[in-house]
Each structure stands twice: as structure tokens, then as C-alpha cells.
């Protein structure tokens, strides 16, 4: 049995699809009741609560660990999950980390994530670590304004990074969960090309078959919008990356192709697959 945490999210759903297509038994875990991905069984569990974690991990041999909100909650210690999983019989863990542990290692959340990576390495389990950069699905922040006004509003219109389709992350995770050759692998996951917000807007317009305007926000305007959904410190951190990406954050990694044997999907591919969200 393979347990997938964060199973109803942008990475978890394609991961469950890939595992199910490969014939693997899957338990999908989410903190809240939601429409589960097709395939296997679904368990609602708060992984910050040990009893619920035991229920979710019952009979599991592999674990995909995604640090969703429940694992950042007050009193939660994600490192404990690794020990609890191992004690319960899990033999393999794939951790969804972040490229930021390498490119911007000094932020508090990235220091914590790097510590969790070390726990995984020292756990005695088979393990793989995935470090994606920016997600194509972050463009869903623009869906409401595209639907209502045919406008994308974002800062730094002509500065880009090689964002990745979460489906590619899910498929890489599936390979790491199913194939021994990836044990001990640390994979940096990016898309195939640097793409700017203005170029993303053009790709969304092409998918829709209708013009979409791009409005370049000031940094302050963007921060005000972002802090409605995240702490101000995280908004500032995100804006630092979007506005002044380092060479390492703009580097195109070969790791998706190394694992999957194909190039990563383009943002245009992602926009075409998700065009319904913008209609």
C-alpha cells in the first residue's frame, strides 16, 4: 500500500492517477473531506494527530509526504511523522521539498525543510527527495480576473522562472515510489523553459481562443493581494524570488527528463489542460 498525503491537491491528484494506472494500491489522505482522486481508498486525517496518522498509515509500505497546512500547525513536528511511519512498517518515503532549500537556504521555512530532509536521509528507510521550483498551477490565482475581466494582474511582467506543471511532479513522485533505482535520489524539478507572467498570459489567451490583457502590478499592489492568502513575510519572500530570481532559480533542470524519459510539459500544455478554470 502506498499512502499519498495532500492527495486532493495539484500534485496529489496526478500522483494518485499515475500510481493507480501502474496498478499500485493507494490510500489517499487529505486533512478535510473533499472529492477524492479516482483509485484506491480515501482517508480524512490530520497528520498532526498521531492517532489519525496511524489510521492513515495502516498497512502502508510507502509514503509520499507533502507538508500541507496541517503539518505546519502549532505543535506539529513533521520529523515525528517519519519515525512514526517507520515504526508502523513503512519502508520507503518520498518527500516533497522545495528548490528554495538550495537557492535561498536561510529563510525559516527552508531551514525547517532542510532539517526534515536530513531526518529522511538518516531514517534508515529508502528515500527520494523532490525539490520543485515554481508551480504552473499558481496561475490559478488569476482565474477569477480572467473569467470576469479578461485580465491577468501580476508584478514583474517580463521576469521569469522555469515553472513546472504539477502533473510532472506527481509522475516523478510515482516513479520514485515504484522504482528502486531512485532510492537516494534528490531531484530538482523545473519546467522546460523560463517563462514570464506576460508570456503565461499569452498562453492562457491562446488556450481560451480569446484575448487576455496583462496588467503589471507594482510590488506593493501585489503584496496587498497576496497577504489576503498568506503571511506578509511569505509574500515578501515570494516577491523577492519573482522579482529578482537568482541564476540557480532560472536554471532549467534535466531531472524530469532523467526520471520520466521525456521533456517536462510546457506552460502552454498546462494552460490547455486547465482552460476550464479560466472560462
Protein backbone atom coordinates (compact mmCIF):
# COMPACT_ATOMS: atom_id res chain seq x y z
CA UNK A 1 0.00 0.00 0.00
CA UNK A 2 1.22 3.49 -0.90
CA UNK A 3 -0.06 6.41 1.18
CA UNK A 4 -0.31 9.78 -0.56
CA UNK A 5 -0.70 12.84 1.66
CA UNK A 6 -2.10 16.01 0.13
CA UNK A 7 -3.94 13.71 -2.24
CA UNK A 8 -6.66 16.17 -3.25
CA UNK A 9 -4.20 18.89 -4.31
CA UNK A 10 -2.44 19.83 -7.52
CA UNK A 11 0.37 17.32 -7.03
CA UNK A 12 -1.54 14.61 -5.18
CA UNK A 13 -4.23 14.05 -7.79
CA UNK A 14 -1.88 13.32 -10.70
CA UNK A 15 0.29 11.23 -8.38
CA UNK A 16 -2.66 9.05 -7.42
CA UNK A 17 -3.64 8.75 -11.10
CA UNK A 18 -0.14 7.62 -12.04
CA UNK A 19 0.05 5.07 -9.23
CA UNK A 20 -3.39 3.70 -10.00
CA UNK A 21 -2.54 3.42 -13.70
CA UNK A 22 0.51 1.39 -12.69
CA UNK A 23 -1.71 -0.98 -10.69
CA UNK A 24 -0.41 0.08 -7.28
CA UNK A 25 -2.75 0.05 -4.24
CA UNK A 26 -3.19 3.60 -2.93
CA UNK A 27 -4.58 5.27 0.16
CA UNK A 28 -5.30 8.96 -0.50
CA UNK A 29 -5.08 11.20 2.57
CA UNK A 30 -6.39 14.73 2.99
CA UNK A 31 -6.98 16.86 6.04
CA UNK A 32 -10.51 17.84 5.03
CA UNK A 33 -13.33 15.99 3.33
CA UNK A 34 -13.05 16.55 -0.41
CA UNK A 35 -13.78 14.76 -3.64
CA UNK A 36 -11.02 12.16 -3.64
CA UNK A 37 -8.96 11.29 -6.69
CA UNK A 38 -10.08 8.19 -8.53
CA UNK A 39 -8.40 4.99 -7.46
CA UNK A 40 -7.84 3.33 -4.09
CA UNK A 41 -9.38 4.45 -0.84
CA UNK A 42 -9.59 7.89 0.74
CA UNK A 43 -8.92 8.73 4.40
CA UNK A 44 -9.56 12.07 6.08
CA UNK A 45 -6.78 12.56 8.62
CA UNK A 46 -4.94 15.38 10.34
CA UNK A 47 -1.34 14.22 10.25
CA UNK A 48 -0.52 16.43 13.23
CA UNK A 49 -2.61 13.99 15.32
CA UNK A 50 -0.75 10.70 15.90
CA UNK A 51 -3.86 8.53 16.21
CA UNK A 52 -5.19 9.71 12.87
CA UNK A 53 -1.77 9.21 11.32
CA UNK A 54 -1.70 5.58 12.50
CA UNK A 55 -5.09 5.03 10.86
CA UNK A 56 -3.92 6.55 7.61
CA UNK A 57 -0.68 4.53 7.55
CA UNK A 58 -2.20 1.17 8.48
CA UNK A 59 -0.72 -1.45 6.16
CA UNK A 60 1.40 1.05 4.22
CA UNK A 61 4.83 0.22 2.84
CA UNK A 62 5.49 3.58 1.11
CA UNK A 63 4.65 7.21 1.91
CA UNK A 64 4.53 10.38 -0.14
CA UNK A 65 4.90 13.25 2.31
CA UNK A 66 3.67 16.72 1.37
CA UNK A 67 3.83 19.41 4.04
CA UNK A 68 0.35 20.86 3.75
CA UNK A 69 -1.11 23.25 6.30
CA UNK A 70 -1.77 20.58 8.92
CA UNK A 71 1.93 19.80 9.11
CA UNK A 72 2.81 23.45 9.74
CA UNK A 73 0.24 23.81 12.52
CA UNK A 74 1.21 24.80 16.05
CA UNK A 75 2.59 21.75 17.84
CA UNK A 76 3.12 19.71 14.70
CA UNK A 77 6.53 18.15 14.20
CA UNK A 78 6.84 16.69 10.69
CA UNK A 79 10.02 14.86 11.70
CA UNK A 80 7.91 12.74 14.05
CA UNK A 81 5.92 11.51 11.06
CA UNK A 82 9.00 9.84 9.61
CA UNK A 83 9.65 7.93 12.82
CA UNK A 84 6.01 7.00 13.26
CA UNK A 85 5.79 5.79 9.67
CA UNK A 86 8.91 3.67 10.04
CA UNK A 87 7.65 2.19 13.32
CA UNK A 88 4.39 1.29 11.56
CA UNK A 89 6.10 -0.66 8.80
CA UNK A 90 6.67 1.96 6.09
CA UNK A 91 9.87 1.16 4.22
CA UNK A 92 10.04 3.97 1.64
CA UNK A 93 9.34 7.71 1.80
CA UNK A 94 9.29 10.33 -0.94
CA UNK A 95 9.44 13.87 0.42
CA UNK A 96 8.16 16.90 -1.48
CA UNK A 97 10.68 19.57 -0.53
CA UNK A 98 11.42 22.82 -2.36
CA UNK A 99 14.15 24.22 -4.60
CA UNK A 100 14.45 27.04 -2.09
CA UNK A 101 16.46 24.85 0.31
CA UNK A 102 19.29 25.26 -2.21
CA UNK A 103 18.64 28.66 -3.77
CA UNK A 104 17.55 30.58 -0.64
CA UNK A 105 18.53 28.40 2.29
CA UNK A 106 18.31 30.93 5.11
CA UNK A 107 14.53 31.51 5.37
CA UNK A 108 12.87 29.91 8.42
CA UNK A 109 10.61 27.57 6.42
CA UNK A 110 13.51 26.41 4.27
CA UNK A 111 15.75 25.83 7.27
CA UNK A 112 12.98 23.63 8.68
CA UNK A 113 12.57 21.81 5.37
CA UNK A 114 16.28 21.18 5.06
CA UNK A 115 16.18 19.73 8.59
CA UNK A 116 13.36 17.42 7.54
CA UNK A 117 15.38 16.34 4.50
CA UNK A 118 18.17 15.36 6.90
CA UNK A 119 15.72 13.36 9.02
CA UNK A 120 14.58 11.48 5.90
CA UNK A 121 18.16 10.73 4.89
CA UNK A 122 19.00 9.40 8.34
CA UNK A 123 15.77 7.43 8.83
CA UNK A 124 17.05 4.06 7.64
CA UNK A 125 14.26 3.99 5.04
CA UNK A 126 14.56 4.00 1.29
CA UNK A 127 14.02 7.62 0.28
CA UNK A 128 13.85 10.17 -2.51
CA UNK A 129 13.60 13.96 -2.23
CA UNK A 130 11.87 16.17 -4.79
CA UNK A 131 12.72 19.87 -4.99
CA UNK A 132 10.37 21.68 -7.38
CA UNK A 133 10.57 25.38 -8.17
CA UNK A 134 7.50 27.47 -9.00
CA UNK A 135 4.27 25.70 -9.95
CA UNK A 136 2.32 26.39 -13.16
CA UNK A 137 -0.84 25.96 -11.10
CA UNK A 138 -0.08 29.23 -9.29
CA UNK A 139 -1.61 30.82 -12.38
CA UNK A 140 -4.98 29.73 -10.99
CA UNK A 141 -4.68 32.84 -8.78
CA UNK A 142 -5.59 34.73 -11.95
CA UNK A 143 -8.60 32.62 -12.91
CA UNK A 144 -11.28 34.87 -11.42
CA UNK A 145 -9.96 38.05 -13.06
CA UNK A 146 -9.62 36.27 -16.40
CA UNK A 147 -13.19 34.98 -16.17
CA UNK A 148 -14.66 38.33 -15.13
CA UNK A 149 -12.43 40.87 -16.88
CA UNK A 150 -10.14 39.03 -19.34
CA UNK A 151 -7.21 40.43 -17.36
CA UNK A 152 -4.16 38.98 -15.63
CA UNK A 153 -2.71 41.28 -12.99
CA UNK A 154 0.78 40.41 -11.74
CA UNK A 155 4.09 42.07 -10.89
CA UNK A 156 7.39 41.76 -12.77
CA UNK A 157 5.78 41.07 -16.13
CA UNK A 158 8.99 40.39 -18.02
CA UNK A 159 10.91 38.45 -15.37
CA UNK A 160 10.52 34.69 -15.45
CA UNK A 161 11.46 31.33 -13.97
CA UNK A 162 11.04 27.79 -15.37
CA UNK A 163 7.80 26.88 -13.61
CA UNK A 164 6.70 23.25 -13.61
CA UNK A 165 3.40 21.53 -14.29
CA UNK A 166 2.36 19.77 -11.04
CA UNK A 167 1.43 16.73 -13.12
CA UNK A 168 5.11 16.26 -13.85
CA UNK A 169 5.88 16.43 -10.13
CA UNK A 170 3.24 13.79 -9.47
CA UNK A 171 4.60 11.49 -12.18
CA UNK A 172 8.17 11.87 -10.91
CA UNK A 173 6.93 11.06 -7.40
CA UNK A 174 5.17 7.95 -8.73
CA UNK A 175 8.39 6.76 -10.35
CA UNK A 176 10.28 7.29 -7.09
CA UNK A 177 7.65 5.36 -5.13
CA UNK A 178 7.59 2.45 -7.57
CA UNK A 179 11.18 2.09 -8.83
CA UNK A 180 14.15 1.11 -6.68
CA UNK A 181 16.59 2.91 -8.97
CA UNK A 182 15.51 6.24 -7.50
CA UNK A 183 16.44 5.37 -3.91
CA UNK A 184 18.71 8.10 -2.57
CA UNK A 185 17.81 10.45 -5.42
CA UNK A 186 17.47 14.21 -4.93
CA UNK A 187 15.70 15.72 -7.92
CA UNK A 188 15.35 19.40 -8.80
CA UNK A 189 12.18 19.78 -10.83
CA UNK A 190 11.55 22.62 -13.28
CA UNK A 191 9.71 23.22 -16.50
CA UNK A 192 11.45 23.19 -19.90
CA UNK A 193 11.91 26.96 -20.28
CA UNK A 194 11.91 30.24 -18.41
CA UNK A 195 8.51 31.91 -18.83
CA UNK A 196 7.38 35.35 -17.71
CA UNK A 197 3.93 36.38 -16.43
CA UNK A 198 3.31 38.22 -19.70
CA UNK A 199 4.11 35.06 -21.65
CA UNK A 200 1.91 32.99 -19.34
CA UNK A 201 -0.93 35.42 -20.08
CA UNK A 202 -0.43 34.89 -23.82
CA UNK A 203 -0.54 31.11 -23.33
CA UNK A 204 -3.79 31.35 -21.35
CA UNK A 205 -5.27 33.55 -24.08
CA UNK A 206 -4.23 31.03 -26.74
CA UNK A 207 -5.85 28.20 -24.78
CA UNK A 208 -9.05 30.22 -24.43
CA UNK A 209 -9.03 31.44 -28.00
CA UNK A 210 -9.77 34.97 -26.81
CA UNK A 211 -7.60 37.99 -25.94
CA UNK A 212 -6.45 38.40 -22.34
CA UNK A 213 -4.82 41.63 -21.24
CA UNK A 214 -1.81 41.80 -18.96
CA UNK A 215 -1.74 44.45 -16.23
CA UNK A 216 1.60 44.89 -14.49
CA UNK A 217 1.16 45.49 -10.78
CA UNK A 218 3.55 47.34 -8.54
CA UNK A 219 5.24 45.25 -5.89
CA UNK A 220 3.04 46.89 -3.23
CA UNK A 221 -0.15 46.12 -5.13
CA UNK A 222 0.92 42.51 -5.49
CA UNK A 223 1.81 42.25 -1.81
CA UNK A 224 -1.59 43.59 -0.76
CA UNK A 225 -3.31 40.94 -2.84
CA UNK A 226 -1.06 38.11 -1.66
CA UNK A 227 -1.34 38.89 2.05
CA UNK A 228 -5.04 38.10 1.86
CA UNK A 229 -3.97 34.46 1.50
CA UNK A 230 -0.55 34.18 3.14
CA UNK A 231 1.57 35.77 5.88
CA UNK A 232 3.23 39.07 4.93
CA UNK A 233 6.70 37.56 5.44
CA UNK A 234 5.97 34.78 2.96
CA UNK A 235 4.51 37.28 0.48
CA UNK A 236 7.70 39.36 0.67
CA UNK A 237 9.80 36.25 0.22
CA UNK A 238 7.79 35.16 -2.81
CA UNK A 239 8.03 38.62 -4.36
CA UNK A 240 11.80 38.61 -3.86
CA UNK A 241 12.02 35.42 -5.92
CA UNK A 242 9.60 36.60 -8.62
CA UNK A 243 11.25 39.99 -8.96
CA UNK A 244 14.92 39.01 -8.68
CA UNK A 245 15.37 35.30 -9.36
CA UNK A 246 18.91 34.05 -8.95
CA UNK A 247 20.70 32.16 -11.75
CA UNK A 248 20.00 28.96 -9.81
CA UNK A 249 16.27 29.77 -9.77
CA UNK A 250 16.30 30.32 -13.54
CA UNK A 251 18.30 27.18 -14.31
CA UNK A 252 16.46 24.53 -16.29
CA UNK A 253 16.98 21.18 -14.60
CA UNK A 254 17.31 17.93 -16.58
CA UNK A 255 15.83 15.86 -13.75
CA UNK A 256 12.24 15.47 -15.03
CA UNK A 257 13.55 14.05 -18.28
CA UNK A 258 16.09 11.93 -16.38
CA UNK A 259 13.31 10.26 -14.38
CA UNK A 260 10.46 10.16 -16.89
CA UNK A 261 12.36 9.79 -20.16
CA UNK A 262 10.60 12.80 -21.69
CA UNK A 263 10.83 16.56 -21.51
CA UNK A 264 8.71 18.36 -18.92
CA UNK A 265 5.39 19.80 -20.04
CA UNK A 266 5.28 23.41 -21.13
CA UNK A 267 3.14 26.08 -19.52
CA UNK A 268 1.07 26.08 -22.72
CA UNK A 269 0.37 22.37 -22.13
CA UNK A 270 -0.74 23.16 -18.58
CA UNK A 271 -2.96 26.03 -19.75
CA UNK A 272 -4.63 23.83 -22.36
CA UNK A 273 -5.29 21.10 -19.79
CA UNK A 274 -6.74 23.58 -17.26
CA UNK A 275 -8.51 26.01 -19.57
CA UNK A 276 -11.90 25.31 -17.98
CA UNK A 277 -10.77 27.16 -14.84
CA UNK A 278 -10.40 30.36 -16.86
CA UNK A 279 -13.70 30.24 -18.80
